[in-house]
Amino acid sequence: MQGRLHDPPRKVNSVTARAGANIALVKYWGKRDLRRNLPAAGSISITLADLETVTIVEPREGSGGDQFVLDGQEQDSDPVSRVLDLLRENRPACRVVSRNSFPTGAGLASSASGHAALVVAGAAVFGLDIDRVALSRVARRGSGSAARSLFGGFCELHAGVLEDGSDCQASALHEPAHWPLEVVVAITDSGPKAVSSRAGMNQTMDTSPYYPAWVASVDDDLDLARKAIAERDFEALAAVSEHSALKMHASALAAQPGLLYWNAGTLACLHAVRELRAAGVGVFFTVDAGPQVKAICLPGQSGRVAATLAGLAGVERVLQTGLGPGAGLVSA
């Protein structure tokens, strides 16, 4: 169901929510409004089953501000507070404890799953009855891609055209069962990336001569991807997804200074995926702002792909997963 996330308002002491990371097949890179965090173009993604963030939100007693703990370490609470402020309206400060099941800040969309889990738990702890589409608009303010993790399976984030951003929201395309693709993630560097996605986007927008062409190309890619997913046309989806990823990185490479998110292991994986596909294996690659490679596979193909990528020099480990549900409550 893509409607209400929980029962009508009630007082709660602590809420736990989870959200899966998502991988954009048609990429999000760049904004039309920095203050409102509005993307310059839309995007289409898949939500993953096993790479997830689990977040606990509980009201804090006394007059202290928000507190944020991520993977056991206390963090700057300002980003969390800015999102919670969109929900609470004179409600209390909170302690937020979040844990990722995969490397944080390494190009695996931990900010997306983190903010999606945060808004689900925050809405519940404040006793708000808000549907997924509305919550996606809130999550987007924290991280543009977080809007997509509200939905499972295949999802689209609409860039919108209104200045206030009220039409910039996510919506479901298809549930996981529509096309149960498999995903292999090749981790080539589990440490945090040197340039964050937000900083990289801004640098690309400000300095890359390729950036306007990148934005102009996205609408056609969205049309192609929607059709390919609806018809379960793997070859068409492979073509548009790989093209979108390479165009995004080309625009970043052309920034001043150039943004090079890849390493030797990344390149080895890209070549290996193309060799596998040429040999008849149903697989294609995509890469976000980081060195990790995501190999999207037809059902039943991920085992061979994982074995191949795991054997490459520069690959630390591989993760296998499939498509999963949207963000939701674990307990309240």
C-alpha atoms as a PDB file:
ATOM      1  CA  MET A   1       0.000   0.000   0.000  1.00  0.00           C
ATOM      2  CA  GLN A   2       1.330   3.475  -0.852  1.00  0.00           C
ATOM      3  CA  GLY A   3      -1.010   5.481   1.364  1.00  0.00           C
ATOM      4  CA  ARG A   4      -0.875   6.195   5.085  1.00  0.00           C
ATOM      5  CA  LEU A   5       2.218   5.182   7.000  1.00  0.00           C
ATOM      6  CA  HIS A   6       0.636   4.656  10.411  1.00  0.00           C
ATOM      7  CA  ASP A   7      -2.489   5.021  12.480  1.00  0.00           C
ATOM      8  CA  PRO A   8      -4.068   8.368  13.439  1.00  0.00           C
ATOM      9  CA  PRO A   9      -2.122  10.596  15.835  1.00  0.00           C
ATOM     10  CA  ARG A  10      -1.293   9.227  19.289  1.00  0.00           C
ATOM     11  CA  LYS A  11       1.327   9.983  21.907  1.00  0.00           C
ATOM     12  CA  VAL A  12       4.435   7.796  21.692  1.00  0.00           C
ATOM     13  CA  ASN A  13       7.707   7.752  23.591  1.00  0.00           C
ATOM     14  CA  SER A  14       9.990   6.172  21.013  1.00  0.00           C
ATOM     15  CA  VAL A  15       9.661   5.129  17.383  1.00  0.00           C
ATOM     16  CA  THR A  16      11.866   2.940  15.203  1.00  0.00           C
ATOM     17  CA  ALA A  17      11.744   3.141  11.401  1.00  0.00           C
ATOM     18  CA  ARG A  18      13.753   1.611   8.599  1.00  0.00           C
ATOM     19  CA  ALA A  19      14.401   2.602   5.008  1.00  0.00           C
ATOM     20  CA  GLY A  20      16.310   0.976   2.187  1.00  0.00           C
ATOM     21  CA  ALA A  21      18.997   2.697   0.159  1.00  0.00           C
ATOM     22  CA  ASN A  22      18.030   3.403  -3.425  1.00  0.00           C
ATOM     23  CA  ILE A  23      20.024   3.401  -6.639  1.00  0.00           C
ATOM     24  CA  ALA A  24      19.172   5.889  -9.357  1.00  0.00           C
ATOM     25  CA  LEU A  25      18.968   4.373 -12.831  1.00  0.00           C
ATOM     26  CA  VAL A  26      18.298   7.797 -14.338  1.00  0.00           C
ATOM     27  CA  LYS A  27      20.530  10.011 -12.240  1.00  0.00           C
ATOM     28  CA  TYR A  28      19.888  12.996 -10.014  1.00  0.00           C
ATOM     29  CA  TRP A  29      22.794  15.462 -10.207  1.00  0.00           C
ATOM     30  CA  GLY A  30      22.340  19.192  -9.672  1.00  0.00           C
ATOM     31  CA  LYS A  31      19.673  21.492  -8.285  1.00  0.00           C
ATOM     32  CA  ARG A  32      17.394  24.251  -9.560  1.00  0.00           C
ATOM     33  CA  ASP A  33      17.023  25.745  -6.078  1.00  0.00           C
ATOM     34  CA  LEU A  34      19.692  25.217  -3.417  1.00  0.00           C
ATOM     35  CA  ARG A  35      17.687  26.609  -0.498  1.00  0.00           C
ATOM     36  CA  ARG A  36      14.706  24.340  -1.085  1.00  0.00           C
ATOM     37  CA  ASN A  37      16.911  21.463  -2.300  1.00  0.00           C
ATOM     38  CA  LEU A  38      14.988  21.117  -5.566  1.00  0.00           C
ATOM     39  CA  PRO A  39      16.574  18.904  -8.246  1.00  0.00           C
ATOM     40  CA  ALA A  40      17.271  20.355 -11.675  1.00  0.00           C
ATOM     41  CA  ALA A  41      15.731  17.270 -13.300  1.00  0.00           C
ATOM     42  CA  GLY A  42      13.777  14.180 -12.319  1.00  0.00           C
ATOM     43  CA  SER A  43      15.176  10.731 -11.582  1.00  0.00           C
ATOM     44  CA  ILE A  44      14.133   7.069 -11.507  1.00  0.00           C
ATOM     45  CA  SER A  45      15.473   4.581  -8.984  1.00  0.00           C
ATOM     46  CA  ILE A  46      15.190   1.151  -7.438  1.00  0.00           C
ATOM     47  CA  THR A  47      14.922   0.662  -3.673  1.00  0.00           C
ATOM     48  CA  LEU A  48      17.084  -2.101  -2.201  1.00  0.00           C
ATOM     49  CA  ALA A  49      16.036  -4.834   0.203  1.00  0.00           C
ATOM     50  CA  ASP A  50      19.078  -5.320   2.435  1.00  0.00           C
ATOM     51  CA  LEU A  51      21.082  -2.081   2.429  1.00  0.00           C
ATOM     52  CA  GLU A  52      19.112  -0.180   5.016  1.00  0.00           C
ATOM     53  CA  THR A  53      19.129   2.438   7.736  1.00  0.00           C
ATOM     54  CA  VAL A  54      17.352   1.816  11.039  1.00  0.00           C
ATOM     55  CA  THR A  55      16.570   4.974  13.008  1.00  0.00           C
ATOM     56  CA  ILE A  56      15.146   5.482  16.507  1.00  0.00           C
ATOM     57  CA  VAL A  57      13.579   8.849  17.365  1.00  0.00           C
ATOM     58  CA  GLU A  58      12.553   9.673  20.927  1.00  0.00           C
ATOM     59  CA  PRO A  59      11.584  12.949  22.596  1.00  0.00           C
ATOM     60  CA  ARG A  60      14.223  14.432  24.925  1.00  0.00           C
ATOM     61  CA  GLU A  61      13.340  15.544  28.410  1.00  0.00           C
ATOM     62  CA  GLY A  62      14.394  19.013  29.517  1.00  0.00           C
ATOM     63  CA  SER A  63      15.492  22.023  27.507  1.00  0.00           C
ATOM     64  CA  GLY A  64      18.368  20.545  25.515  1.00  0.00           C
ATOM     65  CA  GLY A  65      18.376  20.515  21.744  1.00  0.00           C
ATOM     66  CA  ASP A  66      18.341  17.578  19.381  1.00  0.00           C
ATOM     67  CA  GLN A  67      20.998  14.893  19.643  1.00  0.00           C
ATOM     68  CA  PHE A  68      22.128  12.720  16.724  1.00  0.00           C
ATOM     69  CA  VAL A  69      24.109   9.480  16.974  1.00  0.00           C
ATOM     70  CA  LEU A  70      25.135   7.699  13.761  1.00  0.00           C
ATOM     71  CA  ASP A  71      26.757   4.268  13.799  1.00  0.00           C
ATOM     72  CA  GLY A  72      27.626   4.735  17.470  1.00  0.00           C
ATOM     73  CA  GLN A  73      29.240   8.172  17.109  1.00  0.00           C
ATOM     74  CA  GLU A  74      27.640  11.474  18.093  1.00  0.00           C
ATOM     75  CA  GLN A  75      27.313  13.816  15.099  1.00  0.00           C
ATOM     76  CA  ASP A  76      26.381  17.401  14.339  1.00  0.00           C
ATOM     77  CA  SER A  77      22.640  17.511  14.932  1.00  0.00           C
ATOM     78  CA  ASP A  78      21.912  20.512  12.677  1.00  0.00           C
ATOM     79  CA  PRO A  79      21.012  18.487   9.507  1.00  0.00           C
ATOM     80  CA  VAL A  80      18.633  16.310  11.551  1.00  0.00           C
ATOM     81  CA  SER A  81      17.119  19.333  13.286  1.00  0.00           C
ATOM     82  CA  ARG A  82      16.410  21.108   9.998  1.00  0.00           C
ATOM     83  CA  VAL A  83      14.352  18.131   8.809  1.00  0.00           C
ATOM     84  CA  LEU A  84      12.557  17.570  12.107  1.00  0.00           C
ATOM     85  CA  ASP A  85      11.685  21.279  12.245  1.00  0.00           C
ATOM     86  CA  LEU A  86       9.592  20.767   9.106  1.00  0.00           C
ATOM     87  CA  LEU A  87       7.439  18.329  11.072  1.00  0.00           C
ATOM     88  CA  ARG A  88       7.291  19.328  14.724  1.00  0.00           C
ATOM     89  CA  GLU A  89       5.892  22.871  15.198  1.00  0.00           C
ATOM     90  CA  ASN A  90       6.655  23.476  18.894  1.00  0.00           C
ATOM     91  CA  ARG A  91       7.026  19.795  19.637  1.00  0.00           C
ATOM     92  CA  PRO A  92       9.970  18.647  21.768  1.00  0.00           C
ATOM     93  CA  ALA A  93      13.617  18.163  20.898  1.00  0.00           C
ATOM     94  CA  CYS A  94      14.596  14.587  20.067  1.00  0.00           C
ATOM     95  CA  ARG A  95      17.376  12.068  20.415  1.00  0.00           C
ATOM     96  CA  VAL A  96      17.963  10.370  17.061  1.00  0.00           C
ATOM     97  CA  VAL A  97      19.972   7.157  16.918  1.00  0.00           C
ATOM     98  CA  SER A  98      20.656   5.804  13.447  1.00  0.00           C
ATOM     99  CA  ARG A  99      22.618   2.835  12.146  1.00  0.00           C
ATOM    100  CA  ASN A 100      23.447   1.808   8.579  1.00  0.00           C
ATOM    101  CA  SER A 101      23.899  -1.793   7.505  1.00  0.00           C
ATOM    102  CA  PHE A 102      26.420  -0.680   4.857  1.00  0.00           C
ATOM    103  CA  PRO A 103      29.313   1.832   4.637  1.00  0.00           C
ATOM    104  CA  THR A 104      28.303   5.409   5.431  1.00  0.00           C
ATOM    105  CA  GLY A 105      29.178   8.324   3.148  1.00  0.00           C
ATOM    106  CA  ALA A 106      30.846   6.062   0.594  1.00  0.00           C
ATOM    107  CA  GLY A 107      28.550   6.545  -2.378  1.00  0.00           C
ATOM    108  CA  LEU A 108      25.931   3.979  -1.367  1.00  0.00           C
ATOM    109  CA  ALA A 109      23.049   6.407  -0.675  1.00  0.00           C
ATOM    110  CA  SER A 110      23.222   6.344   3.111  1.00  0.00           C
ATOM    111  CA  SER A 111      21.888   9.920   3.222  1.00  0.00           C
ATOM    112  CA  ALA A 112      18.830   8.814   1.242  1.00  0.00           C
ATOM    113  CA  SER A 113      17.897   5.911   3.482  1.00  0.00           C
ATOM    114  CA  GLY A 114      18.851   7.918   6.569  1.00  0.00           C
ATOM    115  CA  HIS A 115      16.588  10.866   5.851  1.00  0.00           C
ATOM    116  CA  ALA A 116      13.741   8.625   4.696  1.00  0.00           C
ATOM    117  CA  ALA A 117      13.856   6.660   7.951  1.00  0.00           C
ATOM    118  CA  LEU A 118      14.129   9.920   9.904  1.00  0.00           C
ATOM    119  CA  VAL A 119      10.958  11.469   8.476  1.00  0.00           C
ATOM    120  CA  VAL A 120       8.933   8.291   8.951  1.00  0.00           C
ATOM    121  CA  ALA A 121      10.008   7.973  12.583  1.00  0.00           C
ATOM    122  CA  GLY A 122       9.727  11.716  13.204  1.00  0.00           C
ATOM    123  CA  ALA A 123       6.185  11.932  11.867  1.00  0.00           C
ATOM    124  CA  ALA A 124       5.155   9.009  14.068  1.00  0.00           C
ATOM    125  CA  VAL A 125       6.782  10.292  17.249  1.00  0.00           C
ATOM    126  CA  PHE A 126       5.083  13.677  16.756  1.00  0.00           C
ATOM    127  CA  GLY A 127       1.728  11.964  16.193  1.00  0.00           C
ATOM    128  CA  LEU A 128       1.298  13.112  12.586  1.00  0.00           C
ATOM    129  CA  ASP A 129      -0.720  11.218   9.995  1.00  0.00           C
ATOM    130  CA  ILE A 130       1.083  12.045   6.746  1.00  0.00           C
ATOM    131  CA  ASP A 131       0.993  10.046   3.515  1.00  0.00           C
ATOM    132  CA  ARG A 132       4.079   8.913   1.643  1.00  0.00           C
ATOM    133  CA  VAL A 133       3.956  11.522  -1.083  1.00  0.00           C
ATOM    134  CA  ALA A 134       3.833  14.348   1.448  1.00  0.00           C
ATOM    135  CA  LEU A 135       6.623  12.755   3.493  1.00  0.00           C
ATOM    136  CA  SER A 136       8.730  12.448   0.349  1.00  0.00           C
ATOM    137  CA  ARG A 137       8.637  16.243   0.050  1.00  0.00           C
ATOM    138  CA  VAL A 138       9.959  16.544   3.605  1.00  0.00           C
ATOM    139  CA  ALA A 139      12.665  13.905   3.105  1.00  0.00           C
ATOM    140  CA  ARG A 140      13.785  15.679  -0.063  1.00  0.00           C
ATOM    141  CA  ARG A 141      14.661  18.763   1.986  1.00  0.00           C
ATOM    142  CA  GLY A 142      17.274  16.722   3.822  1.00  0.00           C
ATOM    143  CA  SER A 143      18.604  14.781   0.832  1.00  0.00           C
ATOM    144  CA  GLY A 144      17.232  14.969  -2.692  1.00  0.00           C
ATOM    145  CA  SER A 145      17.407  11.233  -3.246  1.00  0.00           C
ATOM    146  CA  ALA A 146      15.780  10.477   0.119  1.00  0.00           C
ATOM    147  CA  ALA A 147      12.336  11.157  -1.366  1.00  0.00           C
ATOM    148  CA  ARG A 148      12.692   8.008  -3.461  1.00  0.00           C
ATOM    149  CA  SER A 149      13.371   5.717  -0.471  1.00  0.00           C
ATOM    150  CA  LEU A 150       9.827   6.341   0.786  1.00  0.00           C
ATOM    151  CA  PHE A 151       8.680   3.970  -1.972  1.00  0.00           C
ATOM    152  CA  GLY A 152       9.642   0.387  -2.725  1.00  0.00           C
ATOM    153  CA  GLY A 153      10.554  -1.237  -6.007  1.00  0.00           C
ATOM    154  CA  PHE A 154      10.739   1.286  -8.860  1.00  0.00           C
ATOM    155  CA  CYS A 155      10.220   4.955  -8.012  1.00  0.00           C
ATOM    156  CA  GLU A 156      10.337   8.338  -9.732  1.00  0.00           C
ATOM    157  CA  LEU A 157      11.239  11.697  -8.219  1.00  0.00           C
ATOM    158  CA  HIS A 158       9.515  14.492 -10.114  1.00  0.00           C
ATOM    159  CA  ALA A 159      11.544  17.691 -10.342  1.00  0.00           C
ATOM    160  CA  GLY A 160       8.433  19.853 -10.553  1.00  0.00           C
ATOM    161  CA  VAL A 161       8.209  23.374 -11.922  1.00  0.00           C
ATOM    162  CA  LEU A 162       6.719  25.428  -9.083  1.00  0.00           C
ATOM    163  CA  GLU A 163       9.035  27.845  -7.307  1.00  0.00           C
ATOM    164  CA  ASP A 164       7.952  26.728  -3.841  1.00  0.00           C
ATOM    165  CA  GLY A 165       8.779  23.086  -4.627  1.00  0.00           C
ATOM    166  CA  SER A 166       5.328  21.811  -3.717  1.00  0.00           C
ATOM    167  CA  ASP A 167       5.203  19.648  -6.867  1.00  0.00           C
ATOM    168  CA  CYS A 168       8.681  18.165  -6.321  1.00  0.00           C
ATOM    169  CA  GLN A 169       7.831  14.777  -4.864  1.00  0.00           C
ATOM    170  CA  ALA A 170       8.276  11.069  -5.355  1.00  0.00           C
ATOM    171  CA  SER A 171       5.768   8.516  -6.590  1.00  0.00           C
ATOM    172  CA  ALA A 172       5.696   4.772  -7.089  1.00  0.00           C
ATOM    173  CA  LEU A 173       6.208   3.324 -10.562  1.00  0.00           C
ATOM    174  CA  HIS A 174       6.062  -0.422  -9.885  1.00  0.00           C
ATOM    175  CA  GLU A 175       6.292  -2.713  -6.874  1.00  0.00           C
ATOM    176  CA  PRO A 176       9.268  -5.113  -6.555  1.00  0.00           C
ATOM    177  CA  ALA A 177       7.210  -8.064  -7.768  1.00  0.00           C
ATOM    178  CA  HIS A 178       6.661  -6.379 -11.130  1.00  0.00           C
ATOM    179  CA  TRP A 179      10.259  -7.153 -12.104  1.00  0.00           C
ATOM    180  CA  PRO A 180      12.374  -8.706  -9.319  1.00  0.00           C
ATOM    181  CA  LEU A 181      15.771  -7.599 -10.531  1.00  0.00           C
ATOM    182  CA  GLU A 182      18.839  -8.525  -8.512  1.00  0.00           C
ATOM    183  CA  VAL A 183      21.656  -6.207  -7.498  1.00  0.00           C
ATOM    184  CA  VAL A 184      25.349  -6.790  -6.821  1.00  0.00           C
ATOM    185  CA  VAL A 185      27.255  -3.959  -5.136  1.00  0.00           C
ATOM    186  CA  ALA A 186      31.022  -4.030  -5.581  1.00  0.00           C
ATOM    187  CA  ILE A 187      32.671  -2.041  -2.800  1.00  0.00           C
ATOM    188  CA  THR A 188      36.046  -0.743  -3.928  1.00  0.00           C
ATOM    189  CA  ASP A 189      36.622   1.676  -1.044  1.00  0.00           C
ATOM    190  CA  SER A 190      34.519   1.515   2.114  1.00  0.00           C
ATOM    191  CA  GLY A 191      35.823   4.811   3.496  1.00  0.00           C
ATOM    192  CA  PRO A 192      34.009   8.142   3.175  1.00  0.00           C
ATOM    193  CA  LYS A 193      34.457   9.884  -0.171  1.00  0.00           C
ATOM    194  CA  ALA A 194      36.619  13.002  -0.348  1.00  0.00           C
ATOM    195  CA  VAL A 195      33.910  15.176  -1.962  1.00  0.00           C
ATOM    196  CA  SER A 196      30.299  14.830  -0.829  1.00  0.00           C
ATOM    197  CA  SER A 197      27.494  14.519  -3.347  1.00  0.00           C
ATOM    198  CA  ARG A 198      26.114  17.930  -2.377  1.00  0.00           C
ATOM    199  CA  ALA A 199      29.497  19.654  -2.777  1.00  0.00           C
ATOM    200  CA  GLY A 200      30.136  17.779  -6.023  1.00  0.00           C
ATOM    201  CA  MET A 201      26.790  18.815  -7.485  1.00  0.00           C
ATOM    202  CA  ASN A 202      27.390  22.454  -6.647  1.00  0.00           C
ATOM    203  CA  GLN A 203      30.882  22.368  -8.122  1.00  0.00           C
ATOM    204  CA  THR A 204      29.573  20.761 -11.304  1.00  0.00           C
ATOM    205  CA  MET A 205      26.748  23.287 -11.644  1.00  0.00           C
ATOM    206  CA  ASP A 206      29.092  26.211 -11.123  1.00  0.00           C
ATOM    207  CA  THR A 207      32.019  25.177 -13.328  1.00  0.00           C
ATOM    208  CA  SER A 208      31.279  22.324 -15.756  1.00  0.00           C
ATOM    209  CA  PRO A 209      30.624  23.327 -19.390  1.00  0.00           C
ATOM    210  CA  TYR A 210      28.824  19.998 -19.828  1.00  0.00           C
ATOM    211  CA  TYR A 211      26.280  20.615 -17.060  1.00  0.00           C
ATOM    212  CA  PRO A 212      23.557  22.324 -19.169  1.00  0.00           C
ATOM    213  CA  ALA A 213      23.673  19.495 -21.707  1.00  0.00           C
ATOM    214  CA  TRP A 214      23.389  16.972 -18.883  1.00  0.00           C
ATOM    215  CA  VAL A 215      20.205  18.584 -17.539  1.00  0.00           C
ATOM    216  CA  ALA A 216      18.712  18.909 -21.035  1.00  0.00           C
ATOM    217  CA  SER A 217      19.164  15.179 -21.668  1.00  0.00           C
ATOM    218  CA  VAL A 218      17.358  13.860 -18.599  1.00  0.00           C
ATOM    219  CA  ASP A 219      13.719  14.097 -19.721  1.00  0.00           C
ATOM    220  CA  ASP A 220      14.355  11.807 -22.691  1.00  0.00           C
ATOM    221  CA  ASP A 221      16.135   9.345 -20.404  1.00  0.00           C
ATOM    222  CA  LEU A 222      13.168   9.338 -18.028  1.00  0.00           C
ATOM    223  CA  ASP A 223      10.784   8.495 -20.879  1.00  0.00           C
ATOM    224  CA  LEU A 224      13.021   5.649 -22.055  1.00  0.00           C
ATOM    225  CA  ALA A 225      13.451   4.236 -18.561  1.00  0.00           C
ATOM    226  CA  ARG A 226       9.735   4.352 -17.706  1.00  0.00           C
ATOM    227  CA  LYS A 227       8.913   2.446 -20.896  1.00  0.00           C
ATOM    228  CA  ALA A 228      11.694  -0.092 -20.373  1.00  0.00           C
ATOM    229  CA  ILE A 229      10.590  -0.802 -16.801  1.00  0.00           C
ATOM    230  CA  ALA A 230       6.910  -1.069 -17.718  1.00  0.00           C
ATOM    231  CA  GLU A 231       7.741  -3.529 -20.512  1.00  0.00           C
ATOM    232  CA  ARG A 232      10.541  -5.273 -18.583  1.00  0.00           C
ATOM    233  CA  ASP A 233      12.890  -4.578 -21.466  1.00  0.00           C
ATOM    234  CA  PHE A 234      16.292  -5.267 -19.935  1.00  0.00           C
ATOM    235  CA  GLU A 235      18.381  -4.240 -22.923  1.00  0.00           C
ATOM    236  CA  ALA A 236      16.631  -0.876 -23.166  1.00  0.00           C
ATOM    237  CA  LEU A 237      16.985  -0.265 -19.434  1.00  0.00           C
ATOM    238  CA  ALA A 238      20.665  -1.209 -19.570  1.00  0.00           C
ATOM    239  CA  ALA A 239      21.301   1.239 -22.397  1.00  0.00           C
ATOM    240  CA  VAL A 240      19.613   4.232 -20.795  1.00  0.00           C
ATOM    241  CA  SER A 241      20.957   3.530 -17.290  1.00  0.00           C
ATOM    242  CA  GLU A 242      24.591   3.151 -18.294  1.00  0.00           C
ATOM    243  CA  HIS A 243      24.315   6.221 -20.509  1.00  0.00           C
ATOM    244  CA  SER A 244      22.810   8.272 -17.681  1.00  0.00           C
ATOM    245  CA  ALA A 245      25.570   7.272 -15.254  1.00  0.00           C
ATOM    246  CA  LEU A 246      28.368   7.994 -17.705  1.00  0.00           C
ATOM    247  CA  LYS A 247      26.878  11.374 -18.654  1.00  0.00           C
ATOM    248  CA  MET A 248      26.609  12.350 -15.010  1.00  0.00           C
ATOM    249  CA  HIS A 249      30.236  11.483 -14.358  1.00  0.00           C
ATOM    250  CA  ALA A 250      31.321  13.199 -17.574  1.00  0.00           C
ATOM    251  CA  SER A 251      29.752  16.439 -16.372  1.00  0.00           C
ATOM    252  CA  ALA A 252      31.512  16.056 -13.021  1.00  0.00           C
ATOM    253  CA  LEU A 253      34.846  15.257 -14.657  1.00  0.00           C
ATOM    254  CA  ALA A 254      34.593  18.486 -16.628  1.00  0.00           C
ATOM    255  CA  ALA A 255      34.165  20.618 -13.502  1.00  0.00           C
ATOM    256  CA  GLN A 256      36.957  22.870 -12.207  1.00  0.00           C
ATOM    257  CA  PRO A 257      38.737  21.099 -10.633  1.00  0.00           C
ATOM    258  CA  GLY A 258      37.498  17.862 -12.115  1.00  0.00           C
ATOM    259  CA  LEU A 259      35.628  15.455  -9.832  1.00  0.00           C
ATOM    260  CA  LEU A 260      37.052  11.948 -10.096  1.00  0.00           C
ATOM    261  CA  TYR A 261      34.976   9.632  -7.931  1.00  0.00           C
ATOM    262  CA  TRP A 262      36.282   6.389  -9.462  1.00  0.00           C
ATOM    263  CA  ASN A 263      39.346   4.301  -8.645  1.00  0.00           C
ATOM    264  CA  ALA A 264      41.096   1.401 -10.390  1.00  0.00           C
ATOM    265  CA  GLY A 265      38.658  -1.101  -8.897  1.00  0.00           C
ATOM    266  CA  THR A 266      35.709   0.884 -10.242  1.00  0.00           C
ATOM    267  CA  LEU A 267      37.077   0.743 -13.790  1.00  0.00           C
ATOM    268  CA  ALA A 268      37.857  -2.969 -13.503  1.00  0.00           C
ATOM    269  CA  CYS A 269      34.239  -3.621 -12.513  1.00  0.00           C
ATOM    270  CA  LEU A 270      32.820  -1.565 -15.388  1.00  0.00           C
ATOM    271  CA  HIS A 271      34.876  -3.501 -17.924  1.00  0.00           C
ATOM    272  CA  ALA A 272      33.956  -6.825 -16.294  1.00  0.00           C
ATOM    273  CA  VAL A 273      30.224  -6.042 -16.394  1.00  0.00           C
ATOM    274  CA  ARG A 274      30.381  -5.216 -20.083  1.00  0.00           C
ATOM    275  CA  GLU A 275      32.336  -8.417 -20.768  1.00  0.00           C
ATOM    276  CA  LEU A 276      29.731 -10.436 -18.880  1.00  0.00           C
ATOM    277  CA  ARG A 277      26.900  -8.848 -20.843  1.00  0.00           C
ATOM    278  CA  ALA A 278      28.721  -9.552 -24.123  1.00  0.00           C
ATOM    279  CA  ALA A 279      28.924 -13.189 -23.001  1.00  0.00           C
ATOM    280  CA  GLY A 280      25.145 -13.342 -22.571  1.00  0.00           C
ATOM    281  CA  VAL A 281      24.743 -12.512 -18.873  1.00  0.00           C
ATOM    282  CA  GLY A 282      21.860 -10.153 -18.058  1.00  0.00           C
ATOM    283  CA  VAL A 283      23.699  -7.364 -16.241  1.00  0.00           C
ATOM    284  CA  PHE A 284      24.453  -3.652 -16.543  1.00  0.00           C
ATOM    285  CA  PHE A 285      26.257  -1.146 -14.341  1.00  0.00           C
ATOM    286  CA  THR A 286      25.557   2.153 -12.706  1.00  0.00           C
ATOM    287  CA  VAL A 287      27.781   4.321 -10.496  1.00  0.00           C
ATOM    288  CA  ASP A 288      26.770   7.163  -8.205  1.00  0.00           C
ATOM    289  CA  ALA A 289      28.988   9.844  -6.662  1.00  0.00           C
ATOM    290  CA  GLY A 290      31.543   7.445  -5.264  1.00  0.00           C
ATOM    291  CA  PRO A 291      33.750   4.513  -6.301  1.00  0.00           C
ATOM    292  CA  GLN A 292      31.264   1.692  -5.725  1.00  0.00           C
ATOM    293  CA  VAL A 293      29.772  -0.136  -8.713  1.00  0.00           C
ATOM    294  CA  LYS A 294      26.187  -1.357  -8.716  1.00  0.00           C
ATOM    295  CA  ALA A 295      25.520  -4.216 -11.110  1.00  0.00           C
ATOM    296  CA  ILE A 296      21.816  -4.619 -11.932  1.00  0.00           C
ATOM    297  CA  CYS A 297      21.018  -8.201 -12.916  1.00  0.00           C
ATOM    298  CA  LEU A 298      18.183 -10.199 -14.367  1.00  0.00           C
ATOM    299  CA  PRO A 299      16.637 -12.675 -11.897  1.00  0.00           C
ATOM    300  CA  GLY A 300      18.976 -15.622 -11.382  1.00  0.00           C
ATOM    301  CA  GLN A 301      22.052 -13.875 -12.779  1.00  0.00           C
ATOM    302  CA  SER A 302      23.527 -12.195  -9.693  1.00  0.00           C
ATOM    303  CA  GLY A 303      25.494 -15.226  -8.460  1.00  0.00           C
ATOM    304  CA  ARG A 304      27.764 -15.328 -11.486  1.00  0.00           C
ATOM    305  CA  VAL A 305      28.130 -11.543 -11.479  1.00  0.00           C
ATOM    306  CA  ALA A 306      29.027 -11.462  -7.774  1.00  0.00           C
ATOM    307  CA  ALA A 307      31.642 -14.190  -8.196  1.00  0.00           C
ATOM    308  CA  THR A 308      33.245 -12.345 -11.103  1.00  0.00           C
ATOM    309  CA  LEU A 309      33.357  -8.954  -9.387  1.00  0.00           C
ATOM    310  CA  ALA A 310      34.586 -10.412  -6.090  1.00  0.00           C
ATOM    311  CA  GLY A 311      37.619 -11.822  -7.888  1.00  0.00           C
ATOM    312  CA  LEU A 312      38.775  -8.497  -9.306  1.00  0.00           C
ATOM    313  CA  ALA A 313      41.776  -6.599  -7.981  1.00  0.00           C
ATOM    314  CA  GLY A 314      40.619  -3.537  -6.059  1.00  0.00           C
ATOM    315  CA  VAL A 315      37.276  -4.983  -4.940  1.00  0.00           C
ATOM    316  CA  GLU A 316      37.088  -5.191  -1.151  1.00  0.00           C
ATOM    317  CA  ARG A 317      33.843  -7.162  -1.029  1.00  0.00           C
ATOM    318  CA  VAL A 318      30.529  -7.588  -2.779  1.00  0.00           C
ATOM    319  CA  LEU A 319      26.972  -7.394  -1.493  1.00  0.00           C
ATOM    320  CA  GLN A 320      24.023  -9.184  -3.077  1.00  0.00           C
ATOM    321  CA  THR A 321      20.481  -7.980  -2.696  1.00  0.00           C
ATOM    322  CA  GLY A 322      17.223  -7.428  -4.532  1.00  0.00           C
ATOM    323  CA  LEU A 323      14.433  -4.888  -4.688  1.00  0.00           C
ATOM    324  CA  GLY A 324      12.793  -4.034  -1.415  1.00  0.00           C
ATOM    325  CA  PRO A 325       9.924  -2.137   0.206  1.00  0.00           C
ATOM    326  CA  GLY A 326       9.616   1.541   0.927  1.00  0.00           C
ATOM    327  CA  ALA A 327      10.394   3.155   4.255  1.00  0.00           C
ATOM    328  CA  GLY A 328       8.178   2.175   7.158  1.00  0.00           C
ATOM    329  CA  LEU A 329       7.809   1.742  10.899  1.00  0.00           C
ATOM    330  CA  VAL A 330       9.494  -1.089  12.735  1.00  0.00           C
ATOM    331  CA  SER A 331       7.971  -0.272  16.120  1.00  0.00           C
ATOM    332  CA  ALA A 332       6.140   2.557  17.797  1.00  0.00           C
END
